[in-house]
């Protein structure tokens, strides 16, 4: 599959790394020759310096024969123009990163005129991720599958919990709730566990189940977190705007601290029901004055990772129950995760995941099972994928216990009509089923890849 990426920024670079690791034929276009040299030294890709909206540069990159062009330069207008030119030159599919809320609001019309296959909004993707966690405060991360019917949550096990020092088989027997622990991070190690795996304090469990079953499970282990009602957001950018709009719609009280006076005035007009404070959110006196201790959740969304991390640690010291920080740098995110901040979100990772899911789906669109959704977990060491079984084949209508499934792969959930099945060995797959697969160390683009 031939893919051209326009823009070697945070999203473009992350995509180039992930796609080149999976042996796609990648060409990267950017005006900064220094950045391209760095990319060329690290990856097995072809780089072209120049403007990605220039038809001559596109021809050099062989856009006319590309299967997919991904435009993720810093300017929305350039991305949309690049995609339009790419389609005119003969590219089969195009994806544009569109960040401006005004453009994104009318993306339905624009997609048709620009012949876009997909439009991705990093800030909206990040705000959706934060919203899911605030609606399910027991978890530190929540991903959804099967159109929201199945949730995959990350949960950190603390000392003296009913889960510690017992095997997963005992957990399932003891609680009799349809859940499945799909992956476990313990220190630097990652496991796809079986029933004999013993849970320890400090483990981060990735648990899949229907929403109500997860609620019941967390109640059973004594996690009865009060609902989040009051949220304090620091930083008033696009992520803040999308998130605050969503929180106000579900009835939460929102207070925003933003440094720019002009942006505060804009937010007052855009979000009349929110409380907008003009000030420096990194000033602890201001945070105390705005009653940070009375909030149910603190969300740090400034443009600086370091500032978000420091403010989050302060929120932790004053006892805020739920803390979420936007950290775009992968290395910093890994350092912070072990230091007690509940949830880390990254607009770049959310965008890359969405585009990677689309690429996988296109790549196997003619196979018997199509990738519908894809998320990377545990710093990319584990993938959770949703497949739709499209036609009868060797693995349909066969009990799962009779299928030879490779090590470090797991069938976590099956969606059949309106039912969610947490499978055992006697269950089977049928045409039309949604199947959630969790895999480690393997690049899975087709369901048959997990079979021996």
Protein backbone atom coordinates (compact mmCIF):
# COMPACT_ATOMS: atom_id res chain seq x y z
CA UNK A 1 0.00 0.00 0.00
CA UNK A 2 1.55 3.32 -1.12
CA UNK A 3 0.96 6.18 1.38
CA UNK A 4 2.05 9.83 1.08
CA UNK A 5 2.12 11.91 4.30
CA UNK A 6 2.16 15.72 4.00
CA UNK A 7 3.58 17.43 7.09
CA UNK A 8 6.30 16.12 9.41
CA UNK A 9 4.77 17.58 12.59
CA UNK A 10 3.79 15.61 15.70
CA UNK A 11 0.98 13.65 14.02
CA UNK A 12 2.76 13.17 10.67
CA UNK A 13 5.95 11.96 12.35
CA UNK A 14 4.13 9.50 14.63
CA UNK A 15 2.18 8.12 11.65
CA UNK A 16 5.34 7.77 9.57
CA UNK A 17 6.98 5.76 12.38
CA UNK A 18 3.95 3.45 12.90
CA UNK A 19 3.28 2.89 9.19
CA UNK A 20 6.93 2.30 8.27
CA UNK A 21 7.14 -0.29 11.09
CA UNK A 22 4.30 -2.14 9.35
CA UNK A 23 6.18 -2.09 6.01
CA UNK A 24 3.89 0.29 4.13
CA UNK A 25 5.52 2.22 1.29
CA UNK A 26 5.80 5.72 2.87
CA UNK A 27 6.73 9.06 1.30
CA UNK A 28 6.95 12.10 3.61
CA UNK A 29 6.67 15.69 2.30
CA UNK A 30 7.69 18.71 4.42
CA UNK A 31 9.20 22.15 3.81
CA UNK A 32 11.74 21.73 6.64
CA UNK A 33 14.74 19.83 5.20
CA UNK A 34 16.34 19.46 8.65
CA UNK A 35 13.30 17.60 10.02
CA UNK A 36 13.21 15.37 6.94
CA UNK A 37 16.90 14.44 7.36
CA UNK A 38 16.15 13.41 10.95
CA UNK A 39 13.15 11.32 9.76
CA UNK A 40 15.27 9.71 7.03
CA UNK A 41 17.94 8.69 9.58
CA UNK A 42 15.34 7.04 11.85
CA UNK A 43 12.97 5.41 9.33
CA UNK A 44 13.01 3.43 6.11
CA UNK A 45 10.97 5.98 4.13
CA UNK A 46 11.31 8.30 1.13
CA UNK A 47 11.41 12.06 1.91
CA UNK A 48 10.73 15.02 -0.39
CA UNK A 49 11.37 18.64 0.70
CA UNK A 50 8.77 21.13 -0.52
CA UNK A 51 5.23 22.46 -0.21
CA UNK A 52 2.68 19.63 0.04
CA UNK A 53 0.08 21.73 -1.78
CA UNK A 54 2.34 22.09 -4.87
CA UNK A 55 1.23 19.80 -7.71
CA UNK A 56 4.84 19.44 -8.97
CA UNK A 57 6.05 18.30 -5.52
CA UNK A 58 3.10 15.87 -5.38
CA UNK A 59 4.10 14.39 -8.74
CA UNK A 60 7.65 13.90 -7.42
CA UNK A 61 6.12 12.00 -4.50
CA UNK A 62 4.14 9.88 -7.02
CA UNK A 63 0.82 11.03 -5.57
CA UNK A 64 -0.98 10.05 -8.83
CA UNK A 65 -0.32 6.37 -7.97
CA UNK A 66 -0.82 6.67 -4.18
CA UNK A 67 -3.40 4.49 -2.42
CA UNK A 68 -3.72 7.10 0.35
CA UNK A 69 -2.61 10.71 0.95
CA UNK A 70 -2.67 11.93 4.57
CA UNK A 71 -2.47 15.74 4.92
CA UNK A 72 -1.52 16.76 8.46
CA UNK A 73 0.38 20.04 8.00
CA UNK A 74 -0.18 22.82 10.55
CA UNK A 75 -2.71 24.78 8.42
CA UNK A 76 -6.21 23.33 7.84
CA UNK A 77 -6.55 25.20 4.55
CA UNK A 78 -3.36 23.64 3.21
CA UNK A 79 -4.52 20.16 4.26
CA UNK A 80 -7.86 20.51 2.48
CA UNK A 81 -6.25 21.98 -0.65
CA UNK A 82 -3.61 19.20 -0.66
CA UNK A 83 -6.32 16.54 -0.51
CA UNK A 84 -8.28 18.17 -3.34
CA UNK A 85 -5.16 18.31 -5.55
CA UNK A 86 -4.20 14.74 -4.62
CA UNK A 87 -7.59 13.41 -5.76
CA UNK A 88 -7.39 15.44 -8.98
CA UNK A 89 -3.95 13.91 -9.65
CA UNK A 90 -5.29 10.38 -9.16
CA UNK A 91 -4.77 9.40 -5.48
CA UNK A 92 -7.36 6.78 -4.47
CA UNK A 93 -8.10 8.04 -0.93
CA UNK A 94 -7.33 11.15 1.14
CA UNK A 95 -7.40 12.07 4.84
CA UNK A 96 -7.19 15.68 6.08
CA UNK A 97 -6.46 16.90 9.59
CA UNK A 98 -8.94 19.72 10.26
CA UNK A 99 -8.59 21.50 13.63
CA UNK A 100 -10.62 24.71 13.28
CA UNK A 101 -14.04 24.20 14.95
CA UNK A 102 -15.74 26.34 12.27
CA UNK A 103 -14.35 24.24 9.39
CA UNK A 104 -15.02 20.99 11.26
CA UNK A 105 -18.65 21.94 11.89
CA UNK A 106 -19.30 21.95 8.14
CA UNK A 107 -17.01 19.04 7.31
CA UNK A 108 -19.94 17.02 5.95
CA UNK A 109 -20.30 19.45 3.04
CA UNK A 110 -16.56 19.89 2.62
CA UNK A 111 -15.88 16.14 2.52
CA UNK A 112 -18.12 15.73 -0.50
CA UNK A 113 -16.68 18.68 -2.45
CA UNK A 114 -13.07 17.85 -1.58
CA UNK A 115 -13.60 14.07 -2.13
CA UNK A 116 -12.20 13.38 1.35
CA UNK A 117 -12.27 9.80 2.58
CA UNK A 118 -11.88 10.95 6.19
CA UNK A 119 -11.39 14.15 8.22
CA UNK A 120 -9.69 13.97 11.62
CA UNK A 121 -9.86 16.59 14.35
CA UNK A 122 -7.10 15.93 16.97
CA UNK A 123 -8.59 18.25 19.59
CA UNK A 124 -12.06 16.72 19.28
CA UNK A 125 -10.57 13.20 19.48
CA UNK A 126 -8.71 14.17 22.68
CA UNK A 127 -11.80 15.80 24.22
CA UNK A 128 -13.87 12.67 23.47
CA UNK A 129 -11.24 10.59 25.28
CA UNK A 130 -11.34 12.91 28.33
CA UNK A 131 -15.15 12.91 28.36
CA UNK A 132 -15.28 9.10 28.47
CA UNK A 133 -12.97 9.09 31.51
CA UNK A 134 -14.98 11.80 33.32
CA UNK A 135 -18.19 9.82 32.73
CA UNK A 136 -16.47 6.69 34.09
CA UNK A 137 -14.21 8.12 36.86
CA UNK A 138 -13.18 4.71 38.25
CA UNK A 139 -11.06 4.16 35.11
CA UNK A 140 -7.92 6.00 34.01
CA UNK A 141 -8.61 5.38 30.31
CA UNK A 142 -11.75 4.32 28.43
CA UNK A 143 -11.97 3.16 24.80
CA UNK A 144 -15.23 2.10 23.14
CA UNK A 145 -15.99 -0.68 20.67
CA UNK A 146 -19.04 -2.02 18.86
CA UNK A 147 -20.65 1.45 18.58
CA UNK A 148 -20.29 2.08 22.33
CA UNK A 149 -21.73 -1.26 23.53
CA UNK A 150 -18.35 -2.53 24.76
CA UNK A 151 -15.85 -0.53 26.80
CA UNK A 152 -12.19 -1.29 27.37
CA UNK A 153 -11.05 0.46 30.54
CA UNK A 154 -7.66 0.83 32.19
CA UNK A 155 -7.75 0.38 35.96
CA UNK A 156 -4.85 0.71 38.43
CA UNK A 157 -4.99 -1.85 41.26
CA UNK A 158 -4.05 -0.41 44.65
CA UNK A 159 -3.10 -2.11 47.95
CA UNK A 160 -5.68 -4.03 50.00
CA UNK A 161 -8.24 -4.42 47.23
CA UNK A 162 -10.34 -7.57 46.73
CA UNK A 163 -8.42 -8.17 43.46
CA UNK A 164 -4.90 -8.30 44.90
CA UNK A 165 -3.02 -11.59 45.18
CA UNK A 166 -5.69 -13.76 43.56
CA UNK A 167 -5.74 -15.34 40.11
CA UNK A 168 -7.99 -14.05 37.33
CA UNK A 169 -9.84 -17.39 37.34
CA UNK A 170 -10.71 -16.76 41.02
CA UNK A 171 -11.74 -13.17 40.19
CA UNK A 172 -14.19 -14.43 37.54
CA UNK A 173 -15.53 -17.15 39.91
CA UNK A 174 -15.82 -14.81 42.89
CA UNK A 175 -17.64 -11.93 41.19
CA UNK A 176 -19.63 -13.84 38.52
CA UNK A 177 -19.72 -10.74 36.27
CA UNK A 178 -19.12 -10.91 32.52
CA UNK A 179 -15.78 -9.10 32.29
CA UNK A 180 -12.44 -10.07 30.76
CA UNK A 181 -8.98 -8.80 31.71
CA UNK A 182 -7.32 -8.48 28.30
CA UNK A 183 -3.92 -7.01 29.15
CA UNK A 184 -1.89 -6.20 32.25
CA UNK A 185 0.99 -3.74 32.62
CA UNK A 186 3.28 -4.54 35.54
CA UNK A 187 6.25 -2.19 35.79
CA UNK A 188 7.86 -2.30 32.34
CA UNK A 189 6.34 -5.69 31.47
CA UNK A 190 3.11 -6.28 29.57
CA UNK A 191 1.09 -9.51 29.68
CA UNK A 192 -1.86 -10.96 27.79
CA UNK A 193 -3.01 -12.98 30.82
CA UNK A 194 -4.70 -16.36 31.18
CA UNK A 195 -6.81 -17.55 34.13
CA UNK A 196 -3.72 -18.48 36.17
CA UNK A 197 -2.37 -14.91 36.16
CA UNK A 198 -2.21 -13.53 39.73
CA UNK A 199 -3.08 -9.82 40.15
CA UNK A 200 -0.68 -7.70 42.22
CA UNK A 201 -0.98 -4.19 43.70
CA UNK A 202 0.33 -1.66 41.20
CA UNK A 203 -0.86 -3.65 38.15
CA UNK A 204 -2.72 -1.67 35.47
CA UNK A 205 -5.52 -3.90 34.19
CA UNK A 206 -7.24 -3.41 30.81
CA UNK A 207 -10.76 -4.78 31.30
CA UNK A 208 -13.34 -5.33 28.54
CA UNK A 209 -17.09 -5.63 29.14
CA UNK A 210 -20.46 -4.04 28.50
CA UNK A 211 -20.86 -0.68 30.30
CA UNK A 212 -23.34 -1.89 32.92
CA UNK A 213 -21.28 -5.01 33.72
CA UNK A 214 -18.24 -2.79 34.33
CA UNK A 215 -20.29 -0.55 36.63
CA UNK A 216 -21.45 -3.63 38.58
CA UNK A 217 -17.89 -4.98 38.77
CA UNK A 218 -16.41 -1.74 40.13
CA UNK A 219 -19.22 -1.53 42.69
CA UNK A 220 -18.43 -5.12 43.75
CA UNK A 221 -14.78 -4.31 44.44
CA UNK A 222 -15.73 -1.27 46.50
CA UNK A 223 -15.05 1.46 43.93
CA UNK A 224 -18.14 3.63 44.42
CA UNK A 225 -16.72 6.90 43.14
CA UNK A 226 -19.22 9.73 43.26
CA UNK A 227 -20.15 11.08 39.84
CA UNK A 228 -18.12 13.98 38.53
CA UNK A 229 -20.23 17.13 38.85
CA UNK A 230 -17.70 20.01 39.02
CA UNK A 231 -14.75 20.23 36.61
CA UNK A 232 -11.89 22.75 36.64
CA UNK A 233 -10.12 23.09 33.25
CA UNK A 234 -6.79 24.90 32.90
CA UNK A 235 -6.04 26.17 29.39
CA UNK A 236 -8.72 27.48 27.03
CA UNK A 237 -7.67 26.11 23.62
CA UNK A 238 -9.66 24.00 21.14
CA UNK A 239 -9.59 20.85 23.35
CA UNK A 240 -11.03 22.90 26.22
CA UNK A 241 -13.79 24.33 23.99
CA UNK A 242 -14.90 20.88 22.74
CA UNK A 243 -14.67 19.32 26.20
CA UNK A 244 -16.49 22.14 28.02
CA UNK A 245 -19.30 22.04 25.42
CA UNK A 246 -19.72 18.29 25.99
CA UNK A 247 -19.57 18.56 29.81
CA UNK A 248 -22.15 21.35 29.91
CA UNK A 249 -24.47 19.25 27.72
CA UNK A 250 -24.39 16.39 30.24
CA UNK A 251 -25.11 18.77 33.14
CA UNK A 252 -21.66 19.25 34.73
CA UNK A 253 -20.47 22.59 36.13
CA UNK A 254 -17.40 23.86 34.28
CA UNK A 255 -14.83 26.48 35.33
CA UNK A 256 -12.04 27.44 32.89
CA UNK A 257 -8.81 29.30 33.72
CA UNK A 258 -7.16 30.88 30.65
CA UNK A 259 -4.18 33.26 30.47
CA UNK A 260 -5.18 35.22 27.34
CA UNK A 261 -7.74 37.95 27.95
CA UNK A 262 -8.85 37.86 24.30
CA UNK A 263 -9.42 34.10 24.43
CA UNK A 264 -11.41 34.52 27.67
CA UNK A 265 -13.74 36.95 25.89
CA UNK A 266 -14.18 34.44 23.02
CA UNK A 267 -14.93 31.62 25.48
CA UNK A 268 -17.48 33.79 27.33
CA UNK A 269 -19.39 34.17 24.06
CA UNK A 270 -18.97 30.53 22.98
CA UNK A 271 -19.72 28.99 26.42
CA UNK A 272 -22.14 31.30 28.29
CA UNK A 273 -22.94 28.61 30.90
CA UNK A 274 -19.28 28.09 31.88
CA UNK A 275 -17.35 30.24 34.41
CA UNK A 276 -14.33 31.80 32.69
CA UNK A 277 -11.39 33.10 34.77
CA UNK A 278 -8.61 35.21 33.24
CA UNK A 279 -5.37 34.24 34.97
CA UNK A 280 -2.29 32.01 35.14
CA UNK A 281 -3.41 28.46 35.99
CA UNK A 282 0.14 27.61 37.14
CA UNK A 283 -0.31 30.07 40.08
CA UNK A 284 -1.23 27.90 43.06
CA UNK A 285 -2.73 30.87 44.95
CA UNK A 286 -5.17 31.39 42.06
CA UNK A 287 -6.03 27.68 42.02
CA UNK A 288 -6.76 27.75 45.75
CA UNK A 289 -8.76 30.95 45.34
CA UNK A 290 -10.86 29.23 42.66
CA UNK A 291 -11.51 26.37 45.11
CA UNK A 292 -9.57 23.59 43.41
CA UNK A 293 -10.12 21.51 46.56
CA UNK A 294 -13.90 21.52 45.94
CA UNK A 295 -13.74 20.19 42.35
CA UNK A 296 -14.43 16.59 41.42
CA UNK A 297 -12.03 16.64 38.47
CA UNK A 298 -9.04 18.70 37.35
CA UNK A 299 -8.09 18.78 33.65
CA UNK A 300 -4.79 20.38 32.55
CA UNK A 301 -4.96 21.39 28.88
CA UNK A 302 -2.42 24.17 28.39
CA UNK A 303 -0.08 24.06 25.39
CA UNK A 304 2.91 23.06 27.56
CA UNK A 305 3.35 19.47 28.73
CA UNK A 306 5.56 20.51 31.66
CA UNK A 307 2.99 23.02 32.94
CA UNK A 308 0.20 20.43 32.70
CA UNK A 309 2.28 17.89 34.63
CA UNK A 310 3.23 20.32 37.44
CA UNK A 311 -0.37 21.58 37.85
CA UNK A 312 -1.61 17.98 37.95
CA UNK A 313 0.83 17.10 40.73
CA UNK A 314 -0.38 20.12 42.68
CA UNK A 315 -4.01 19.01 42.19
CA UNK A 316 -3.00 15.58 43.52
CA UNK A 317 -1.41 17.06 46.65
CA UNK A 318 -4.61 18.98 47.50
CA UNK A 319 -6.74 15.85 47.09
CA UNK A 320 -8.64 16.31 43.80
CA UNK A 321 -10.26 12.88 43.17
CA UNK A 322 -9.84 12.78 39.35
CA UNK A 323 -6.88 14.29 37.48
CA UNK A 324 -6.33 14.33 33.71
CA UNK A 325 -3.35 15.91 31.93
CA UNK A 326 -2.71 16.50 28.23
CA UNK A 327 0.85 15.32 27.53
CA UNK A 328 1.81 15.10 23.86
CA UNK A 329 5.40 13.94 24.24
CA UNK A 330 5.45 10.11 24.48
CA UNK A 331 8.58 10.00 26.66
CA UNK A 332 7.15 12.45 29.20
CA UNK A 333 3.85 10.54 29.22
CA UNK A 334 5.67 7.32 30.17
CA UNK A 335 7.58 9.08 32.98
CA UNK A 336 4.44 10.65 34.44
CA UNK A 337 2.25 7.54 34.31
CA UNK A 338 4.11 5.86 37.16
CA UNK A 339 3.93 8.93 39.40
CA UNK A 340 0.23 8.84 40.24
CA UNK A 341 -1.52 11.02 37.65
CA UNK A 342 -4.69 9.11 36.78
CA UNK A 343 -5.03 9.77 33.08
CA UNK A 344 -2.76 11.07 30.34
CA UNK A 345 -4.24 12.08 26.98
CA UNK A 346 -2.51 13.03 23.75
CA UNK A 347 -4.23 14.65 20.77
CA UNK A 348 -1.49 13.31 18.51
CA UNK A 349 -1.93 9.71 19.68
CA UNK A 350 -5.73 9.86 19.40
CA UNK A 351 -5.39 11.16 15.82
CA UNK A 352 -2.74 8.59 14.85
CA UNK A 353 -4.93 5.77 16.22
CA UNK A 354 -7.93 6.93 14.19
CA UNK A 355 -5.88 7.12 10.98
CA UNK A 356 -4.12 3.79 11.63
CA UNK A 357 -7.54 2.13 12.04
CA UNK A 358 -8.59 3.52 8.66
CA UNK A 359 -5.36 2.33 6.98
CA UNK A 360 -5.79 -1.20 8.37
CA UNK A 361 -9.42 -1.26 7.24
CA UNK A 362 -8.47 -0.21 3.68
CA UNK A 363 -5.63 -2.69 3.58
CA UNK A 364 -7.85 -5.69 4.29
CA UNK A 365 -11.13 -4.45 2.79
CA UNK A 366 -11.38 -7.50 0.53
CA UNK A 367 -10.70 -10.08 3.23
CA UNK A 368 -13.26 -12.07 5.22
CA UNK A 369 -13.00 -9.78 8.29
CA UNK A 370 -12.61 -6.03 8.19
CA UNK A 371 -10.94 -3.80 10.83
CA UNK A 372 -13.60 -1.46 12.18
CA UNK A 373 -11.88 0.15 15.21
CA UNK A 374 -8.30 0.14 16.51
CA UNK A 375 -6.61 1.46 19.64
CA UNK A 376 -3.02 1.21 20.82
CA UNK A 377 -2.63 0.55 24.55
CA UNK A 378 0.30 0.53 26.99
CA UNK A 379 2.50 2.92 24.95
CA UNK A 380 1.75 1.01 21.76
CA UNK A 381 2.86 -2.41 23.09
CA UNK A 382 -0.68 -3.81 22.86
CA UNK A 383 -3.38 -3.29 20.23
CA UNK A 384 -7.11 -3.74 20.60
CA UNK A 385 -8.92 -4.20 17.28
CA UNK A 386 -12.53 -4.70 16.31
CA UNK A 387 -13.25 -6.86 13.26
CA UNK A 388 -16.52 -7.37 11.41
CA UNK A 389 -16.90 -10.93 10.09
CA UNK A 390 -18.12 -10.41 6.52
CA UNK A 391 -18.40 -13.90 5.06
CA UNK A 392 -18.32 -17.62 5.86
CA UNK A 393 -14.77 -18.98 6.16
CA UNK A 394 -12.62 -21.58 7.93
CA UNK A 395 -13.03 -20.01 11.40
CA UNK A 396 -16.80 -19.28 11.40
CA UNK A 397 -19.20 -21.64 13.25
CA UNK A 398 -16.25 -23.41 14.91
CA UNK A 399 -16.05 -23.52 18.75
CA UNK A 400 -13.29 -21.16 19.88
CA UNK A 401 -11.62 -24.00 21.82
CA UNK A 402 -11.06 -25.75 18.46
CA UNK A 403 -9.34 -22.72 16.91
CA UNK A 404 -5.57 -22.56 17.20
CA UNK A 405 -4.98 -19.00 18.49
CA UNK A 406 -1.38 -17.79 18.57
CA UNK A 407 0.25 -16.90 21.89
CA UNK A 408 -0.25 -13.30 23.12
CA UNK A 409 -3.57 -12.97 21.28
CA UNK A 410 -7.01 -12.95 22.86
CA UNK A 411 -10.60 -12.84 21.63
CA UNK A 412 -12.05 -10.46 24.24
CA UNK A 413 -15.68 -9.85 23.19
CA UNK A 414 -18.17 -10.80 20.50
CA UNK A 415 -21.01 -8.49 19.49
CA UNK A 416 -23.94 -10.36 17.95
CA UNK A 417 -27.01 -8.31 17.03
CA UNK A 418 -27.70 -6.49 20.32
CA UNK A 419 -25.91 -8.99 22.57
CA UNK A 420 -22.40 -8.63 24.01
CA UNK A 421 -20.74 -12.00 24.60
CA UNK A 422 -17.65 -12.41 26.79
CA UNK A 423 -16.67 -15.69 25.14
CA UNK A 424 -15.63 -19.05 26.50
CA UNK A 425 -14.34 -22.05 24.55
CA UNK A 426 -17.84 -23.20 23.52
CA UNK A 427 -18.74 -19.90 21.79
CA UNK A 428 -18.23 -19.47 18.05
CA UNK A 429 -18.09 -16.73 15.41
CA UNK A 430 -20.85 -16.04 12.89
CA UNK A 431 -21.12 -13.85 9.80
CA UNK A 432 -22.07 -10.31 10.90
CA UNK A 433 -20.39 -10.60 14.32
CA UNK A 434 -18.19 -7.81 15.69
CA UNK A 435 -15.13 -9.38 17.30
CA UNK A 436 -12.74 -7.57 19.64
CA UNK A 437 -9.18 -8.91 19.55
CA UNK A 438 -6.34 -7.90 21.87
CA UNK A 439 -2.83 -8.62 20.64
CA UNK A 440 0.77 -8.11 21.76
CA UNK A 441 3.92 -8.22 19.63
CA UNK A 442 2.01 -8.87 16.41
CA UNK A 443 0.89 -6.61 13.59
CA UNK A 444 -2.63 -7.85 12.93
CA UNK A 445 -4.40 -6.54 9.84
CA UNK A 446 -6.65 -9.56 9.26
CA UNK A 447 -8.49 -11.72 11.80
CA UNK A 448 -6.79 -14.85 10.40
CA UNK A 449 -3.40 -13.34 11.48
CA UNK A 450 -4.12 -14.38 15.08
CA UNK A 451 -4.75 -18.02 14.09
CA UNK A 452 -2.05 -20.67 14.01
